[in-house]
Each structure stands twice: as structure tokens, then as C-alpha cells.
Amino acid sequence: MKFIAEIDIMPIKEILDPQGKAVMLGLHNLEIDQVNDVRIGKHVTLSLETETQEQADEIVKTACQKLLANLIMEEFTYTLKLV
């Protein structure tokens, strides 16, 4: 079975986000004052082939926990789609 995993990795809310703050400042400089907060993260797309959806789920979870996300500072969510 072929799957596409769409993974979003974001800084934990308690962690300062300097990129988000810089974008927020830029928005205010453009006189876009309606935006209250900006958080910048990563989006990763994985294409994988496994025998079951459970295997795909476990592979994606392991990749996120051990490589893609820094769990001290980031959290992740993902969706698996059958292709």
C-alpha cells in the first residue's frame, strides 16, 4: 500500500518563536495590524510504501520523534493518505 504523510512541525507554544516575531514586526511595518500572532514551523511530505496502514503510521511517528522534530522545542501532527 502506498501512503503520503503530511507532517506539520511547530514550536511548542511555551517556546519563543523569533521567526514568528520577525514576521509579526514585518506585518506591522506593512500596516497589517489585524494579525495578533505568528508562529513559523515546517511542513514535510513523506511518500512511503508499507503492507498496512499501521506500519506506515509507526514509521511516520518514529521518523518524527527521532529525526524530523526536536521534541524538546517542537510538536508534530500528521495525516496519512492512501494513494
Protein backbone atom coordinates (compact mmCIF):
# COMPACT_ATOMS: atom_id res chain seq x y z
CA MET A 1 0.00 0.00 0.00
CA LYS A 2 1.27 3.47 -0.87
CA PHE A 3 0.79 6.39 1.51
CA ILE A 4 1.51 10.08 1.64
CA ALA A 5 2.21 11.51 5.09
CA GLU A 6 1.64 15.24 5.54
CA ILE A 7 3.57 16.32 8.65
CA ASP A 8 3.39 19.69 10.40
CA ILE A 9 6.09 20.56 12.92
CA MET A 10 5.57 23.65 15.08
CA PRO A 11 7.39 25.21 18.03
CA ILE A 12 5.79 24.38 21.37
CA LYS A 13 3.63 27.31 22.48
CA GLU A 14 5.79 27.96 25.56
CA ILE A 15 8.91 28.44 23.38
CA LEU A 16 9.68 31.85 21.91
CA ASP A 17 9.47 31.94 18.11
CA PRO A 18 11.97 34.53 16.81
CA GLN A 19 10.99 33.91 13.17
CA GLY A 20 7.35 34.46 14.02
CA LYS A 21 8.22 37.66 15.90
CA ALA A 22 10.21 38.94 12.89
CA VAL A 23 7.30 38.25 10.55
CA MET A 24 4.93 39.93 13.01
CA LEU A 25 7.13 43.03 13.02
CA GLY A 26 7.21 42.99 9.21
CA LEU A 27 3.43 42.78 9.05
CA HIS A 28 3.09 45.74 11.39
CA ASN A 29 5.61 47.67 9.26
CA LEU A 30 3.29 46.99 6.31
CA GLU A 31 0.46 48.40 8.43
CA ILE A 32 -1.20 44.99 8.65
CA ASP A 33 -2.22 45.34 12.28
CA GLN A 34 -5.06 42.82 12.39
CA VAL A 35 -2.68 39.86 12.92
CA ASN A 36 -2.27 39.02 16.61
CA ASP A 37 0.34 36.25 16.50
CA VAL A 38 2.60 34.44 14.03
CA ARG A 39 4.20 31.02 14.56
CA ILE A 40 6.56 29.61 11.93
CA GLY A 41 7.06 25.87 11.53
CA LYS A 42 7.90 23.19 8.98
CA HIS A 43 5.80 21.10 6.64
CA VAL A 44 7.19 17.74 5.49
CA THR A 45 5.67 15.36 2.95
CA LEU A 46 6.75 11.71 3.02
CA SER A 47 5.86 9.13 0.41
CA LEU A 48 6.10 5.57 1.69
CA GLU A 49 5.01 2.06 0.85
CA THR A 50 4.09 -0.50 3.53
CA GLU A 51 1.91 -3.56 3.86
CA THR A 52 -0.50 -1.97 6.34
CA GLN A 53 -1.61 1.46 7.49
CA GLU A 54 -0.43 0.60 11.00
CA GLN A 55 3.12 0.08 9.68
CA ALA A 56 3.00 3.40 7.84
CA ASP A 57 1.73 5.11 10.97
CA GLU A 58 4.55 3.66 13.06
CA ILE A 59 7.21 4.64 10.50
CA VAL A 60 5.97 8.23 10.31
CA LYS A 61 5.73 8.51 14.09
CA THR A 62 9.28 7.15 14.52
CA ALA A 63 10.66 9.50 11.84
CA CYS A 64 9.06 12.47 13.58
CA GLN A 65 10.17 11.50 17.06
CA LYS A 66 13.74 10.54 16.19
CA LEU A 67 14.66 12.81 13.28
CA LEU A 68 12.23 15.41 12.00
CA ALA A 69 11.10 17.12 15.21
CA ASN A 70 13.13 18.31 18.18
CA LEU A 71 10.71 17.14 20.87
CA ILE A 72 12.22 19.48 23.46
CA MET A 73 11.15 22.52 21.42
CA GLU A 74 8.68 21.25 18.82
CA GLU A 75 5.48 19.26 18.49
CA PHE A 76 4.18 17.46 15.43
CA THR A 77 0.94 16.36 13.86
CA TYR A 78 0.44 14.32 10.72
CA THR A 79 -2.12 12.75 8.45
CA LEU A 80 -1.74 9.61 6.36
CA LYS A 81 -3.47 9.37 3.00
CA LEU A 82 -3.75 6.21 0.96
CA VAL A 83 -2.62 6.84 -2.61
